[in-house]
Amino acid sequence: MGWAALNIRFAGRMSVSDAIGFEAFGYGMALLFVTGALATAQFGFLITIRLTAPLIAVLTGAAMLIGFGGGAPPPVSSLYVALIVEDIAVLVAALVVASAAAHHAAIRKAL
């Protein structure tokens, strides 16, 4: 939820500078992170594992497409890639925490 709030703050700051693409990206990612947090709260940490890995793959593909898409990259493409890399880092951290929780729950259940 905290990362979603930071994305909303970023999107709000981009609305002042007329960067509609960055604003939409910020609000979209905030919506994804809120949805993921609510799904985790409702269904448990296993849903985090199932949803995070595909989203990491999609964001990695998007970063590669933007970064190596061919032709002259737009001047703001490096900012998009940086935002995507930050989101991937947060998702990897969530995946590690959820995996550790799953492992811990399996050990407790076995005992």
PDB file of N, CA and C in Angstrom:
ATOM      1  N   MET A   1       0.825  -1.185   0.000  1.00  0.00           N
ATOM      2  CA  MET A   1       0.000   0.000   0.000  1.00  0.00           C
ATOM      3  C   MET A   1       0.875   1.257   0.000  1.00  0.00           C
ATOM      4  N   GLY A   2       1.989   1.183   0.714  1.00  0.00           N
ATOM      5  CA  GLY A   2       2.905   2.321   0.749  1.00  0.00           C
ATOM      6  C   GLY A   2       3.485   2.627  -0.618  1.00  0.00           C
ATOM      7  N   TRP A   3       3.837   1.577  -1.357  1.00  0.00           N
ATOM      8  CA  TRP A   3       4.392   1.792  -2.691  1.00  0.00           C
ATOM      9  C   TRP A   3       3.322   2.371  -3.615  1.00  0.00           C
ATOM     10  N   ALA A   4       2.080   1.959  -3.436  1.00  0.00           N
ATOM     11  CA  ALA A   4       0.982   2.522  -4.223  1.00  0.00           C
ATOM     12  C   ALA A   4       0.832   4.015  -3.920  1.00  0.00           C
ATOM     13  N   ALA A   5       0.953   4.377  -2.657  1.00  0.00           N
ATOM     14  CA  ALA A   5       0.859   5.793  -2.286  1.00  0.00           C
ATOM     15  C   ALA A   5       1.982   6.602  -2.922  1.00  0.00           C
ATOM     16  N   LEU A   6       3.172   6.032  -2.961  1.00  0.00           N
ATOM     17  CA  LEU A   6       4.284   6.739  -3.608  1.00  0.00           C
ATOM     18  C   LEU A   6       4.059   6.887  -5.110  1.00  0.00           C
ATOM     19  N   ASN A   7       3.467   5.875  -5.738  1.00  0.00           N
ATOM     20  CA  ASN A   7       3.145   5.978  -7.157  1.00  0.00           C
ATOM     21  C   ASN A   7       2.082   7.042  -7.408  1.00  0.00           C
ATOM     22  N   ILE A   8       1.111   7.151  -6.511  1.00  0.00           N
ATOM     23  CA  ILE A   8       0.082   8.186  -6.650  1.00  0.00           C
ATOM     24  C   ILE A   8       0.708   9.567  -6.491  1.00  0.00           C
ATOM     25  N   ARG A   9       1.613   9.704  -5.545  1.00  0.00           N
ATOM     26  CA  ARG A   9       2.301  10.991  -5.358  1.00  0.00           C
ATOM     27  C   ARG A   9       3.101  11.360  -6.607  1.00  0.00           C
ATOM     28  N   PHE A  10       3.805  10.377  -7.167  1.00  0.00           N
ATOM     29  CA  PHE A  10       4.568  10.612  -8.390  1.00  0.00           C
ATOM     30  C   PHE A  10       3.633  11.042  -9.521  1.00  0.00           C
ATOM     31  N   ALA A  11       2.513  10.332  -9.673  1.00  0.00           N
ATOM     32  CA  ALA A  11       1.566  10.663 -10.739  1.00  0.00           C
ATOM     33  C   ALA A  11       1.013  12.070 -10.555  1.00  0.00           C
ATOM     34  N   GLY A  12       0.737  12.447  -9.327  1.00  0.00           N
ATOM     35  CA  GLY A  12       0.254  13.796  -9.062  1.00  0.00           C
ATOM     36  C   GLY A  12       1.274  14.856  -9.429  1.00  0.00           C
ATOM     37  N   ARG A  13       2.530  14.584  -9.154  1.00  0.00           N
ATOM     38  CA  ARG A  13       3.589  15.539  -9.522  1.00  0.00           C
ATOM     39  C   ARG A  13       3.761  15.621 -11.037  1.00  0.00           C
ATOM     40  N   MET A  14       3.532  14.514 -11.728  1.00  0.00           N
ATOM     41  CA  MET A  14       3.651  14.522 -13.188  1.00  0.00           C
ATOM     42  C   MET A  14       2.485  15.262 -13.832  1.00  0.00           C
ATOM     43  N   SER A  15       1.326  15.315 -13.166  1.00  0.00           N
ATOM     44  CA  SER A  15       0.191  16.024 -13.740  1.00  0.00           C
ATOM     45  C   SER A  15       0.470  17.522 -13.828  1.00  0.00           C
ATOM     46  N   VAL A  16       1.304  18.038 -12.920  1.00  0.00           N
ATOM     47  CA  VAL A  16       1.660  19.452 -12.937  1.00  0.00           C
ATOM     48  C   VAL A  16       2.557  19.764 -14.132  1.00  0.00           C
ATOM     49  N   SER A  17       3.399  18.817 -14.526  1.00  0.00           N
ATOM     50  CA  SER A  17       4.345  19.059 -15.610  1.00  0.00           C
ATOM     51  C   SER A  17       3.809  18.616 -16.975  1.00  0.00           C
ATOM     52  N   ASP A  18       2.521  18.306 -17.065  1.00  0.00           N
ATOM     53  CA  ASP A  18       1.877  17.895 -18.327  1.00  0.00           C
ATOM     54  C   ASP A  18       2.527  16.666 -18.942  1.00  0.00           C
ATOM     55  N   ALA A  19       2.978  15.746 -18.117  1.00  0.00           N
ATOM     56  CA  ALA A  19       3.543  14.483 -18.598  1.00  0.00           C
ATOM     57  C   ALA A  19       2.479  13.414 -18.431  1.00  0.00           C
ATOM     58  N   ILE A  20       1.524  13.383 -19.344  1.00  0.00           N
ATOM     59  CA  ILE A  20       0.355  12.513 -19.218  1.00  0.00           C
ATOM     60  C   ILE A  20       0.743  11.033 -19.204  1.00  0.00           C
ATOM     61  N   GLY A  21       1.773  10.670 -19.951  1.00  0.00           N
ATOM     62  CA  GLY A  21       2.211   9.270 -19.974  1.00  0.00           C
ATOM     63  C   GLY A  21       2.719   8.808 -18.623  1.00  0.00           C
ATOM     64  N   PHE A  22       3.543   9.632 -17.987  1.00  0.00           N
ATOM     65  CA  PHE A  22       4.060   9.293 -16.664  1.00  0.00           C
ATOM     66  C   PHE A  22       2.944   9.296 -15.628  1.00  0.00           C
ATOM     67  N   GLU A  23       2.023  10.228 -15.758  1.00  0.00           N
ATOM     68  CA  GLU A  23       0.898  10.292 -14.836  1.00  0.00           C
ATOM     69  C   GLU A  23       0.058   9.013 -14.930  1.00  0.00           C
ATOM     70  N   ALA A  24      -0.256   8.598 -16.143  1.00  0.00           N
ATOM     71  CA  ALA A  24      -1.045   7.380 -16.342  1.00  0.00           C
ATOM     72  C   ALA A  24      -0.296   6.157 -15.835  1.00  0.00           C
ATOM     73  N   PHE A  25       1.013   6.086 -16.097  1.00  0.00           N
ATOM     74  CA  PHE A  25       1.822   4.964 -15.620  1.00  0.00           C
ATOM     75  C   PHE A  25       1.801   4.908 -14.094  1.00  0.00           C
ATOM     76  N   GLY A  26       1.964   6.061 -13.443  1.00  0.00           N
ATOM     77  CA  GLY A  26       1.966   6.112 -11.978  1.00  0.00           C
ATOM     78  C   GLY A  26       0.643   5.657 -11.389  1.00  0.00           C
ATOM     79  N   TYR A  27      -0.464   6.146 -11.953  1.00  0.00           N
ATOM     80  CA  TYR A  27      -1.773   5.727 -11.448  1.00  0.00           C
ATOM     81  C   TYR A  27      -2.039   4.255 -11.747  1.00  0.00           C
ATOM     82  N   GLY A  28      -1.625   3.785 -12.911  1.00  0.00           N
ATOM     83  CA  GLY A  28      -1.809   2.370 -13.255  1.00  0.00           C
ATOM     84  C   GLY A  28      -1.046   1.449 -12.324  1.00  0.00           C
ATOM     85  N   MET A  29       0.202   1.791 -12.050  1.00  0.00           N
ATOM     86  CA  MET A  29       0.996   0.959 -11.142  1.00  0.00           C
ATOM     87  C   MET A  29       0.448   1.037  -9.720  1.00  0.00           C
ATOM     88  N   ALA A  30      -0.034   2.205  -9.313  1.00  0.00           N
ATOM     89  CA  ALA A  30      -0.640   2.318  -7.987  1.00  0.00           C
ATOM     90  C   ALA A  30      -1.852   1.404  -7.882  1.00  0.00           C
ATOM     91  N   LEU A  31      -2.659   1.367  -8.937  1.00  0.00           N
ATOM     92  CA  LEU A  31      -3.827   0.490  -8.941  1.00  0.00           C
ATOM     93  C   LEU A  31      -3.418  -0.982  -8.859  1.00  0.00           C
ATOM     94  N   LEU A  32      -2.357  -1.357  -9.584  1.00  0.00           N
ATOM     95  CA  LEU A  32      -1.875  -2.739  -9.514  1.00  0.00           C
ATOM     96  C   LEU A  32      -1.381  -3.105  -8.120  1.00  0.00           C
ATOM     97  N   PHE A  33      -0.642  -2.199  -7.485  1.00  0.00           N
ATOM     98  CA  PHE A  33      -0.113  -2.490  -6.153  1.00  0.00           C
ATOM     99  C   PHE A  33      -1.226  -2.540  -5.099  1.00  0.00           C
ATOM    100  N   VAL A  34      -2.234  -1.679  -5.217  1.00  0.00           N
ATOM    101  CA  VAL A  34      -3.362  -1.728  -4.282  1.00  0.00           C
ATOM    102  C   VAL A  34      -4.138  -3.028  -4.477  1.00  0.00           C
ATOM    103  N   THR A  35      -4.378  -3.387  -5.733  1.00  0.00           N
ATOM    104  CA  THR A  35      -5.088  -4.631  -6.028  1.00  0.00           C
ATOM    105  C   THR A  35      -4.320  -5.826  -5.478  1.00  0.00           C
ATOM    106  N   GLY A  36      -3.008  -5.833  -5.663  1.00  0.00           N
ATOM    107  CA  GLY A  36      -2.183  -6.920  -5.140  1.00  0.00           C
ATOM    108  C   GLY A  36      -2.206  -6.991  -3.623  1.00  0.00           C
ATOM    109  N   ALA A  37      -2.162  -5.843  -2.970  1.00  0.00           N
ATOM    110  CA  ALA A  37      -2.200  -5.816  -1.505  1.00  0.00           C
ATOM    111  C   ALA A  37      -3.542  -6.328  -0.985  1.00  0.00           C
ATOM    112  N   LEU A  38      -4.618  -5.907  -1.639  1.00  0.00           N
ATOM    113  CA  LEU A  38      -5.940  -6.373  -1.221  1.00  0.00           C
ATOM    114  C   LEU A  38      -6.114  -7.867  -1.495  1.00  0.00           C
ATOM    115  N   ALA A  39      -5.599  -8.339  -2.627  1.00  0.00           N
ATOM    116  CA  ALA A  39      -5.677  -9.776  -2.937  1.00  0.00           C
ATOM    117  C   ALA A  39      -4.880 -10.586  -1.924  1.00  0.00           C
ATOM    118  N   THR A  40      -3.719 -10.079  -1.527  1.00  0.00           N
ATOM    119  CA  THR A  40      -2.917 -10.768  -0.518  1.00  0.00           C
ATOM    120  C   THR A  40      -3.644 -10.812   0.815  1.00  0.00           C
ATOM    121  N   ALA A  41      -4.271  -9.703   1.182  1.00  0.00           N
ATOM    122  CA  ALA A  41      -5.014  -9.670   2.440  1.00  0.00           C
ATOM    123  C   ALA A  41      -6.208 -10.630   2.407  1.00  0.00           C
ATOM    124  N   GLN A  42      -6.849 -10.740   1.265  1.00  0.00           N
ATOM    125  CA  GLN A  42      -8.045 -11.584   1.152  1.00  0.00           C
ATOM    126  C   GLN A  42      -7.699 -13.068   1.000  1.00  0.00           C
ATOM    127  N   PHE A  43      -6.712 -13.373   0.141  1.00  0.00           N
ATOM    128  CA  PHE A  43      -6.461 -14.766  -0.236  1.00  0.00           C
ATOM    129  C   PHE A  43      -5.160 -15.346   0.319  1.00  0.00           C
ATOM    130  N   GLY A  44      -4.320 -14.525   0.918  1.00  0.00           N
ATOM    131  CA  GLY A  44      -3.086 -15.032   1.506  1.00  0.00           C
ATOM    132  C   GLY A  44      -1.873 -14.808   0.614  1.00  0.00           C
ATOM    133  N   PHE A  45      -0.735 -15.216   1.147  1.00  0.00           N
ATOM    134  CA  PHE A  45       0.537 -14.946   0.479  1.00  0.00           C
ATOM    135  C   PHE A  45       0.740 -15.767  -0.787  1.00  0.00           C
ATOM    136  N   LEU A  46       0.039 -16.879  -0.941  1.00  0.00           N
ATOM    137  CA  LEU A  46       0.215 -17.690  -2.154  1.00  0.00           C
ATOM    138  C   LEU A  46      -0.254 -16.951  -3.402  1.00  0.00           C
ATOM    139  N   ILE A  47      -1.269 -16.103  -3.252  1.00  0.00           N
ATOM    140  CA  ILE A  47      -1.724 -15.318  -4.408  1.00  0.00           C
ATOM    141  C   ILE A  47      -0.648 -14.322  -4.822  1.00  0.00           C
ATOM    142  N   THR A  48       0.125 -13.830  -3.847  1.00  0.00           N
ATOM    143  CA  THR A  48       1.221 -12.919  -4.168  1.00  0.00           C
ATOM    144  C   THR A  48       2.247 -13.621  -5.044  1.00  0.00           C
ATOM    145  N   ILE A  49       2.555 -14.864  -4.708  1.00  0.00           N
ATOM    146  CA  ILE A  49       3.521 -15.624  -5.497  1.00  0.00           C
ATOM    147  C   ILE A  49       2.989 -15.845  -6.909  1.00  0.00           C
ATOM    148  N   ARG A  50       1.712 -16.176  -7.013  1.00  0.00           N
ATOM    149  CA  ARG A  50       1.128 -16.460  -8.331  1.00  0.00           C
ATOM    150  C   ARG A  50       0.992 -15.221  -9.197  1.00  0.00           C
ATOM    151  N   LEU A  51       0.719 -14.071  -8.613  1.00  0.00           N
ATOM    152  CA  LEU A  51       0.507 -12.849  -9.396  1.00  0.00           C
ATOM    153  C   LEU A  51       1.789 -12.061  -9.663  1.00  0.00           C
ATOM    154  N   THR A  52       2.744 -12.153  -8.756  1.00  0.00           N
ATOM    155  CA  THR A  52       3.943 -11.326  -8.870  1.00  0.00           C
ATOM    156  C   THR A  52       4.863 -11.781  -9.987  1.00  0.00           C
ATOM    157  N   ALA A  53       5.080 -13.068 -10.114  1.00  0.00           N
ATOM    158  CA  ALA A  53       6.018 -13.570 -11.128  1.00  0.00           C
ATOM    159  C   ALA A  53       5.604 -13.173 -12.547  1.00  0.00           C
ATOM    160  N   PRO A  54       4.344 -13.332 -12.953  1.00  0.00           N
ATOM    161  CA  PRO A  54       3.977 -12.892 -14.301  1.00  0.00           C
ATOM    162  C   PRO A  54       4.103 -11.377 -14.488  1.00  0.00           C
ATOM    163  N   LEU A  55       3.774 -10.606 -13.441  1.00  0.00           N
ATOM    164  CA  LEU A  55       3.893  -9.153 -13.556  1.00  0.00           C
ATOM    165  C   LEU A  55       5.355  -8.740 -13.695  1.00  0.00           C
ATOM    166  N   ILE A  56       6.249  -9.418 -12.995  1.00  0.00           N
ATOM    167  CA  ILE A  56       7.685  -9.130 -13.155  1.00  0.00           C
ATOM    168  C   ILE A  56       8.107  -9.405 -14.593  1.00  0.00           C
ATOM    169  N   ALA A  57       7.632 -10.502 -15.165  1.00  0.00           N
ATOM    170  CA  ALA A  57       7.978 -10.832 -16.555  1.00  0.00           C
ATOM    171  C   ALA A  57       7.452  -9.779 -17.522  1.00  0.00           C
ATOM    172  N   VAL A  58       6.222  -9.324 -17.313  1.00  0.00           N
ATOM    173  CA  VAL A  58       5.645  -8.303 -18.194  1.00  0.00           C
ATOM    174  C   VAL A  58       6.416  -6.992 -18.078  1.00  0.00           C
ATOM    175  N   LEU A  59       6.723  -6.580 -16.853  1.00  0.00           N
ATOM    176  CA  LEU A  59       7.467  -5.333 -16.669  1.00  0.00           C
ATOM    177  C   LEU A  59       8.882  -5.432 -17.221  1.00  0.00           C
ATOM    178  N   THR A  60       9.513  -6.592 -17.085  1.00  0.00           N
ATOM    179  CA  THR A  60      10.845  -6.778 -17.667  1.00  0.00           C
ATOM    180  C   THR A  60      10.779  -6.659 -19.184  1.00  0.00           C
ATOM    181  N   GLY A  61       9.780  -7.280 -19.775  1.00  0.00           N
ATOM    182  CA  GLY A  61       9.597  -7.166 -21.228  1.00  0.00           C
ATOM    183  C   GLY A  61       9.353  -5.733 -21.663  1.00  0.00           C
ATOM    184  N   ALA A  62       8.544  -5.004 -20.891  1.00  0.00           N
ATOM    185  CA  ALA A  62       8.280  -3.602 -21.216  1.00  0.00           C
ATOM    186  C   ALA A  62       9.552  -2.765 -21.119  1.00  0.00           C
ATOM    187  N   ALA A  63      10.350  -3.005 -20.083  1.00  0.00           N
ATOM    188  CA  ALA A  63      11.607  -2.260 -19.935  1.00  0.00           C
ATOM    189  C   ALA A  63      12.552  -2.557 -21.091  1.00  0.00           C
ATOM    190  N   MET A  64      12.615  -3.828 -21.495  1.00  0.00           N
ATOM    191  CA  MET A  64      13.489  -4.181 -22.617  1.00  0.00           C
ATOM    192  C   MET A  64      12.983  -3.566 -23.912  1.00  0.00           C
ATOM    193  N   LEU A  65      11.681  -3.545 -24.103  1.00  0.00           N
ATOM    194  CA  LEU A  65      11.099  -2.958 -25.306  1.00  0.00           C
ATOM    195  C   LEU A  65      11.368  -1.461 -25.369  1.00  0.00           C
ATOM    196  N   ILE A  66      11.223  -0.797 -24.238  1.00  0.00           N
ATOM    197  CA  ILE A  66      11.481   0.642 -24.198  1.00  0.00           C
ATOM    198  C   ILE A  66      12.966   0.925 -24.357  1.00  0.00           C
ATOM    199  N   GLY A  67      13.797   0.168 -23.648  1.00  0.00           N
ATOM    200  CA  GLY A  67      15.240   0.423 -23.661  1.00  0.00           C
ATOM    201  C   GLY A  67      15.927   0.024 -24.948  1.00  0.00           C
ATOM    202  N   PHE A  68      15.478  -1.085 -25.556  1.00  0.00           N
ATOM    203  CA  PHE A  68      16.151  -1.605 -26.745  1.00  0.00           C
ATOM    204  C   PHE A  68      15.203  -1.687 -27.934  1.00  0.00           C
ATOM    205  N   GLY A  69      14.179  -0.864 -27.954  1.00  0.00           N
ATOM    206  CA  GLY A  69      13.131  -0.950 -28.958  1.00  0.00           C
ATOM    207  C   GLY A  69      13.553  -0.617 -30.371  1.00  0.00           C
ATOM    208  N   GLY A  70      14.741  -0.178 -30.584  1.00  0.00           N
ATOM    209  CA  GLY A  70      15.171   0.182 -31.933  1.00  0.00           C
ATOM    210  C   GLY A  70      14.793   1.621 -32.235  1.00  0.00           C
ATOM    211  N   GLY A  71      15.511   2.210 -33.115  1.00  0.00           N
ATOM    212  CA  GLY A  71      15.257   3.612 -33.437  1.00  0.00           C
ATOM    213  C   GLY A  71      15.799   4.511 -32.338  1.00  0.00           C
ATOM    214  N   ALA A  72      15.579   5.781 -32.524  1.00  0.00           N
ATOM    215  CA  ALA A  72      16.037   6.760 -31.544  1.00  0.00           C
ATOM    216  C   ALA A  72      15.071   6.764 -30.363  1.00  0.00           C
ATOM    217  N   PRO A  73      15.588   6.478 -29.161  1.00  0.00           N
ATOM    218  CA  PRO A  73      14.686   6.456 -27.999  1.00  0.00           C
ATOM    219  C   PRO A  73      14.225   7.870 -27.656  1.00  0.00           C
ATOM    220  N   PRO A  74      12.979   8.006 -27.236  1.00  0.00           N
ATOM    221  CA  PRO A  74      12.515   9.325 -26.797  1.00  0.00           C
ATOM    222  C   PRO A  74      13.307   9.776 -25.573  1.00  0.00           C
ATOM    223  N   PRO A  75      13.384  11.079 -25.339  1.00  0.00           N
ATOM    224  CA  PRO A  75      14.193  11.565 -24.212  1.00  0.00           C
ATOM    225  C   PRO A  75      13.724  11.077 -22.845  1.00  0.00           C
ATOM    226  N   VAL A  76      12.466  10.708 -22.721  1.00  0.00           N
ATOM    227  CA  VAL A  76      11.946  10.287 -21.417  1.00  0.00           C
ATOM    228  C   VAL A  76      11.985   8.780 -21.228  1.00  0.00           C
ATOM    229  N   SER A  77      12.489   8.040 -22.197  1.00  0.00           N
ATOM    230  CA  SER A  77      12.469   6.575 -22.091  1.00  0.00           C
ATOM    231  C   SER A  77      13.291   6.071 -20.911  1.00  0.00           C
ATOM    232  N   SER A  78      14.381   6.750 -20.582  1.00  0.00           N
ATOM    233  CA  SER A  78      15.193   6.309 -19.449  1.00  0.00           C
ATOM    234  C   SER A  78      14.432   6.460 -18.127  1.00  0.00           C
ATOM    235  N   LEU A  79      13.551   7.462 -18.033  1.00  0.00           N
ATOM    236  CA  LEU A  79      12.749   7.615 -16.821  1.00  0.00           C
ATOM    237  C   LEU A  79      11.729   6.487 -16.705  1.00  0.00           C
ATOM    238  N   TYR A  80      11.107   6.106 -17.820  1.00  0.00           N
ATOM    239  CA  TYR A  80      10.186   4.966 -17.802  1.00  0.00           C
ATOM    240  C   TYR A  80      10.907   3.697 -17.354  1.00  0.00           C
ATOM    241  N   VAL A  81      12.088   3.457 -17.904  1.00  0.00           N
ATOM    242  CA  VAL A  81      12.846   2.259 -17.550  1.00  0.00           C
ATOM    243  C   VAL A  81      13.205   2.290 -16.063  1.00  0.00           C
ATOM    244  N   ALA A  82      13.602   3.448 -15.553  1.00  0.00           N
ATOM    245  CA  ALA A  82      13.937   3.566 -14.132  1.00  0.00           C
ATOM    246  C   ALA A  82      12.719   3.271 -13.255  1.00  0.00           C
ATOM    247  N   LEU A  83      11.555   3.784 -13.646  1.00  0.00           N
ATOM    248  CA  LEU A  83      10.340   3.508 -12.872  1.00  0.00           C
ATOM    249  C   LEU A  83       9.993   2.025 -12.895  1.00  0.00           C
ATOM    250  N   ILE A  84      10.148   1.401 -14.052  1.00  0.00           N
ATOM    251  CA  ILE A  84       9.853  -0.026 -14.169  1.00  0.00           C
ATOM    252  C   ILE A  84      10.818  -0.842 -13.318  1.00  0.00           C
ATOM    253  N   VAL A  85      12.093  -0.472 -13.329  1.00  0.00           N
ATOM    254  CA  VAL A  85      13.087  -1.196 -12.524  1.00  0.00           C
ATOM    255  C   VAL A  85      12.763  -1.055 -11.031  1.00  0.00           C
ATOM    256  N   GLU A  86      12.333   0.128 -10.604  1.00  0.00           N
ATOM    257  CA  GLU A  86      11.940   0.297  -9.201  1.00  0.00           C
ATOM    258  C   GLU A  86      10.747  -0.593  -8.860  1.00  0.00           C
ATOM    259  N   ASP A  87       9.763  -0.634  -9.752  1.00  0.00           N
ATOM    260  CA  ASP A  87       8.601  -1.479  -9.503  1.00  0.00           C
ATOM    261  C   ASP A  87       8.982  -2.957  -9.465  1.00  0.00           C
ATOM    262  N   ILE A  88       9.883  -3.364 -10.339  1.00  0.00           N
ATOM    263  CA  ILE A  88      10.354  -4.752 -10.326  1.00  0.00           C
ATOM    264  C   ILE A  88      11.059  -5.070  -9.009  1.00  0.00           C
ATOM    265  N   ALA A  89      11.863  -4.135  -8.518  1.00  0.00           N
ATOM    266  CA  ALA A  89      12.565  -4.353  -7.244  1.00  0.00           C
ATOM    267  C   ALA A  89      11.573  -4.544  -6.096  1.00  0.00           C
ATOM    268  N   VAL A  90      10.509  -3.751  -6.069  1.00  0.00           N
ATOM    269  CA  VAL A  90       9.496  -3.894  -5.020  1.00  0.00           C
ATOM    270  C   VAL A  90       8.773  -5.231  -5.170  1.00  0.00           C
ATOM    271  N   LEU A  91       8.466  -5.619  -6.403  1.00  0.00           N
ATOM    272  CA  LEU A  91       7.795  -6.901  -6.629  1.00  0.00           C
ATOM    273  C   LEU A  91       8.678  -8.079  -6.234  1.00  0.00           C
ATOM    274  N   VAL A  92       9.971  -7.994  -6.523  1.00  0.00           N
ATOM    275  CA  VAL A  92      10.895  -9.065  -6.124  1.00  0.00           C
ATOM    276  C   VAL A  92      10.942  -9.157  -4.598  1.00  0.00           C
ATOM    277  N   ALA A  93      10.969  -8.009  -3.927  1.00  0.00           N
ATOM    278  CA  ALA A  93      10.960  -8.032  -2.462  1.00  0.00           C
ATOM    279  C   ALA A  93       9.681  -8.676  -1.937  1.00  0.00           C
ATOM    280  N   ALA A  94       8.545  -8.353  -2.551  1.00  0.00           N
ATOM    281  CA  ALA A  94       7.273  -8.970  -2.139  1.00  0.00           C
ATOM    282  C   ALA A  94       7.291 -10.466  -2.397  1.00  0.00           C
ATOM    283  N   LEU A  95       7.877 -10.874  -3.516  1.00  0.00           N
ATOM    284  CA  LEU A  95       7.965 -12.291  -3.844  1.00  0.00           C
ATOM    285  C   LEU A  95       8.847 -13.034  -2.835  1.00  0.00           C
ATOM    286  N   VAL A  96       9.945 -12.432  -2.443  1.00  0.00           N
ATOM    287  CA  VAL A  96      10.839 -13.048  -1.451  1.00  0.00           C
ATOM    288  C   VAL A  96      10.132 -13.196  -0.111  1.00  0.00           C
ATOM    289  N   VAL A  97       9.431 -12.154   0.318  1.00  0.00           N
ATOM    290  CA  VAL A  97       8.719 -12.210   1.597  1.00  0.00           C
ATOM    291  C   VAL A  97       7.615 -13.267   1.541  1.00  0.00           C
ATOM    292  N   ALA A  98       6.849 -13.292   0.449  1.00  0.00           N
ATOM    293  CA  ALA A  98       5.769 -14.278   0.322  1.00  0.00           C
ATOM    294  C   ALA A  98       6.321 -15.700   0.260  1.00  0.00           C
ATOM    295  N   SER A  99       7.431 -15.889  -0.434  1.00  0.00           N
ATOM    296  CA  SER A  99       8.041 -17.218  -0.500  1.00  0.00           C
ATOM    297  C   SER A  99       8.557 -17.661   0.863  1.00  0.00           C
ATOM    298  N   ALA A 100       9.152 -16.739   1.599  1.00  0.00           N
ATOM    299  CA  ALA A 100       9.623 -17.059   2.948  1.00  0.00           C
ATOM    300  C   ALA A 100       8.447 -17.402   3.862  1.00  0.00           C
ATOM    301  N   ALA A 101       7.347 -16.674   3.712  1.00  0.00           N
ATOM    302  CA  ALA A 101       6.159 -16.970   4.518  1.00  0.00           C
ATOM    303  C   ALA A 101       5.594 -18.341   4.157  1.00  0.00           C
ATOM    304  N   ALA A 102       5.587 -18.685   2.884  1.00  0.00           N
ATOM    305  CA  ALA A 102       5.098 -20.008   2.464  1.00  0.00           C
ATOM    306  C   ALA A 102       5.990 -21.111   3.022  1.00  0.00           C
ATOM    307  N   HIS A 103       7.284 -20.888   2.962  1.00  0.00           N
ATOM    308  CA  HIS A 103       8.232 -21.869   3.497  1.00  0.00           C
ATOM    309  C   HIS A 103       8.050 -22.025   5.007  1.00  0.00           C
ATOM    310  N   HIS A 104       7.919 -20.906   5.695  1.00  0.00           N
ATOM    311  CA  HIS A 104       7.732 -20.936   7.141  1.00  0.00           C
ATOM    312  C   HIS A 104       6.424 -21.643   7.507  1.00  0.00           C
ATOM    313  N   ALA A 105       5.367 -21.384   6.764  1.00  0.00           N
ATOM    314  CA  ALA A 105       4.073 -22.030   7.040  1.00  0.00           C
ATOM    315  C   ALA A 105       4.157 -23.541   6.795  1.00  0.00           C
ATOM    316  N   ALA A 106       4.895 -23.936   5.761  1.00  0.00           N
ATOM    317  CA  ALA A 106       5.049 -25.358   5.490  1.00  0.00           C
ATOM    318  C   ALA A 106       5.822 -26.060   6.601  1.00  0.00           C
ATOM    319  N   ILE A 107       6.835 -25.406   7.121  1.00  0.00           N
ATOM    320  CA  ILE A 107       7.619 -25.977   8.221  1.00  0.00           C
ATOM    321  C   ILE A 107       6.755 -26.087   9.477  1.00  0.00           C
ATOM    322  N   ARG A 108       5.989 -25.047   9.777  1.00  0.00           N
ATOM    323  CA  ARG A 108       5.125 -25.078  10.976  1.00  0.00           C
ATOM    324  C   ARG A 108       4.052 -26.155  10.842  1.00  0.00           C
ATOM    325  N   LYS A 109       3.542 -26.329   9.636  1.00  0.00           N
ATOM    326  CA  LYS A 109       2.510 -27.351   9.427  1.00  0.00           C
ATOM    327  C   LYS A 109       3.082 -28.744   9.600  1.00  0.00           C
ATOM    328  N   ALA A 110       4.336 -28.942   9.166  1.00  0.00           N
ATOM    329  CA  ALA A 110       4.982 -30.245   9.286  1.00  0.00           C
ATOM    330  C   ALA A 110       5.271 -30.597  10.743  1.00  0.00           C
ATOM    331  N   LEU A 111       5.471 -29.588  11.567  1.00  0.00           N
ATOM    332  CA  LEU A 111       5.759 -29.869  12.974  1.00  0.00           C
ATOM    333  C   LEU A 111       4.475 -30.138  13.663  1.00  0.00           C
TER     334      LEU A 111
END
